[in-house]
Amino acid sequence: MVRFPAWTVEASSAKAAASRLGVSINTVGTQARSIFAKLGVRSRVQLANHLHEEGVVGPGEQPEAH
């Protein structure tokens, strides 16, 4: 099973994810760019669509938190 950090699709913004995780917004941005680059996507919307298309999550589902 593929696991993704839940904040990549759950948080309303990078700032919200940073606050929730207790890290800087720069850390969130760096991690997001790394994940996006590995999957060939450019946004959280594209990430969600990619996860759905690959069958990792169904419509409206969240990826398993990691």
C-alpha atoms as a PDB file:
ATOM      1  CA  MET A   1       0.000   0.000   0.000  1.00  0.00           C
ATOM      2  CA  VAL A   2       1.194   3.489  -0.858  1.00  0.00           C
ATOM      3  CA  ARG A   3       1.093   5.926   2.051  1.00  0.00           C
ATOM      4  CA  PHE A   4       1.144   9.707   1.808  1.00  0.00           C
ATOM      5  CA  PRO A   5       1.386  12.335   4.508  1.00  0.00           C
ATOM      6  CA  ALA A   6      -2.244  13.222   5.183  1.00  0.00           C
ATOM      7  CA  TRP A   7      -1.488  16.953   5.291  1.00  0.00           C
ATOM      8  CA  THR A   8      -0.789  16.902   1.554  1.00  0.00           C
ATOM      9  CA  VAL A   9      -4.518  16.790   0.878  1.00  0.00           C
ATOM     10  CA  GLU A  10      -6.176  17.474   4.243  1.00  0.00           C
ATOM     11  CA  ALA A  11      -4.825  20.877   5.235  1.00  0.00           C
ATOM     12  CA  SER A  12      -6.544  23.940   3.829  1.00  0.00           C
ATOM     13  CA  SER A  13      -3.178  25.638   3.225  1.00  0.00           C
ATOM     14  CA  ALA A  14       0.544  25.194   3.692  1.00  0.00           C
ATOM     15  CA  LYS A  15       0.311  27.586   6.637  1.00  0.00           C
ATOM     16  CA  ALA A  16      -2.383  25.415   8.254  1.00  0.00           C
ATOM     17  CA  ALA A  17      -0.303  22.275   7.667  1.00  0.00           C
ATOM     18  CA  ALA A  18       2.776  23.936   9.186  1.00  0.00           C
ATOM     19  CA  SER A  19       0.819  25.007  12.245  1.00  0.00           C
ATOM     20  CA  ARG A  20      -0.723  21.556  12.663  1.00  0.00           C
ATOM     21  CA  LEU A  21       2.647  19.821  12.322  1.00  0.00           C
ATOM     22  CA  GLY A  22       4.619  22.327  14.397  1.00  0.00           C
ATOM     23  CA  VAL A  23       7.095  23.017  11.586  1.00  0.00           C
ATOM     24  CA  SER A  24       7.879  26.038   9.443  1.00  0.00           C
ATOM     25  CA  ILE A  25       5.945  26.844   6.304  1.00  0.00           C
ATOM     26  CA  ASN A  26       9.256  26.444   4.430  1.00  0.00           C
ATOM     27  CA  THR A  27       9.492  22.829   5.612  1.00  0.00           C
ATOM     28  CA  VAL A  28       5.970  22.132   4.375  1.00  0.00           C
ATOM     29  CA  GLY A  29       6.777  23.730   1.031  1.00  0.00           C
ATOM     30  CA  THR A  30       9.974  21.736   0.631  1.00  0.00           C
ATOM     31  CA  GLN A  31       8.273  18.453   1.446  1.00  0.00           C
ATOM     32  CA  ALA A  32       5.307  19.218  -0.814  1.00  0.00           C
ATOM     33  CA  ARG A  33       7.602  20.061  -3.751  1.00  0.00           C
ATOM     34  CA  SER A  34       9.475  16.797  -3.214  1.00  0.00           C
ATOM     35  CA  ILE A  35       6.274  14.735  -3.171  1.00  0.00           C
ATOM     36  CA  PHE A  36       4.849  16.569  -6.180  1.00  0.00           C
ATOM     37  CA  ALA A  37       8.066  16.139  -8.185  1.00  0.00           C
ATOM     38  CA  LYS A  38       8.215  12.420  -7.486  1.00  0.00           C
ATOM     39  CA  LEU A  39       4.645  11.998  -8.709  1.00  0.00           C
ATOM     40  CA  GLY A  40       4.784  14.493 -11.555  1.00  0.00           C
ATOM     41  CA  VAL A  41       2.072  16.790 -10.184  1.00  0.00           C
ATOM     42  CA  ARG A  42       2.103  20.528  -9.466  1.00  0.00           C
ATOM     43  CA  SER A  43      -0.638  21.036  -6.887  1.00  0.00           C
ATOM     44  CA  ARG A  44      -2.604  19.341  -4.143  1.00  0.00           C
ATOM     45  CA  VAL A  45      -5.588  19.156  -6.503  1.00  0.00           C
ATOM     46  CA  GLN A  46      -3.468  17.313  -9.066  1.00  0.00           C
ATOM     47  CA  LEU A  47      -2.144  15.090  -6.269  1.00  0.00           C
ATOM     48  CA  ALA A  48      -5.686  14.179  -5.186  1.00  0.00           C
ATOM     49  CA  ASN A  49      -6.658  13.462  -8.806  1.00  0.00           C
ATOM     50  CA  HIS A  50      -3.510  11.373  -9.290  1.00  0.00           C
ATOM     51  CA  LEU A  51      -4.223   9.320  -6.148  1.00  0.00           C
ATOM     52  CA  HIS A  52      -7.790   8.727  -7.330  1.00  0.00           C
ATOM     53  CA  GLU A  53      -6.715   7.765 -10.878  1.00  0.00           C
ATOM     54  CA  GLU A  54      -4.142   5.324  -9.508  1.00  0.00           C
ATOM     55  CA  GLY A  55      -6.756   3.725  -7.247  1.00  0.00           C
ATOM     56  CA  VAL A  56      -4.960   4.738  -4.066  1.00  0.00           C
ATOM     57  CA  VAL A  57      -8.084   6.497  -2.804  1.00  0.00           C
ATOM     58  CA  GLY A  58     -11.672   6.605  -3.991  1.00  0.00           C
ATOM     59  CA  PRO A  59     -13.723   9.751  -4.558  1.00  0.00           C
ATOM     60  CA  GLY A  60     -13.957  11.757  -1.340  1.00  0.00           C
ATOM     61  CA  GLU A  61     -11.570   9.464   0.553  1.00  0.00           C
ATOM     62  CA  GLN A  62      -8.407  10.652   2.252  1.00  0.00           C
ATOM     63  CA  PRO A  63      -5.103   8.813   1.852  1.00  0.00           C
ATOM     64  CA  GLU A  64      -3.991   6.797   4.849  1.00  0.00           C
ATOM     65  CA  ALA A  65      -2.198   9.122   7.289  1.00  0.00           C
ATOM     66  CA  HIS A  66       1.515   8.590   7.704  1.00  0.00           C
END
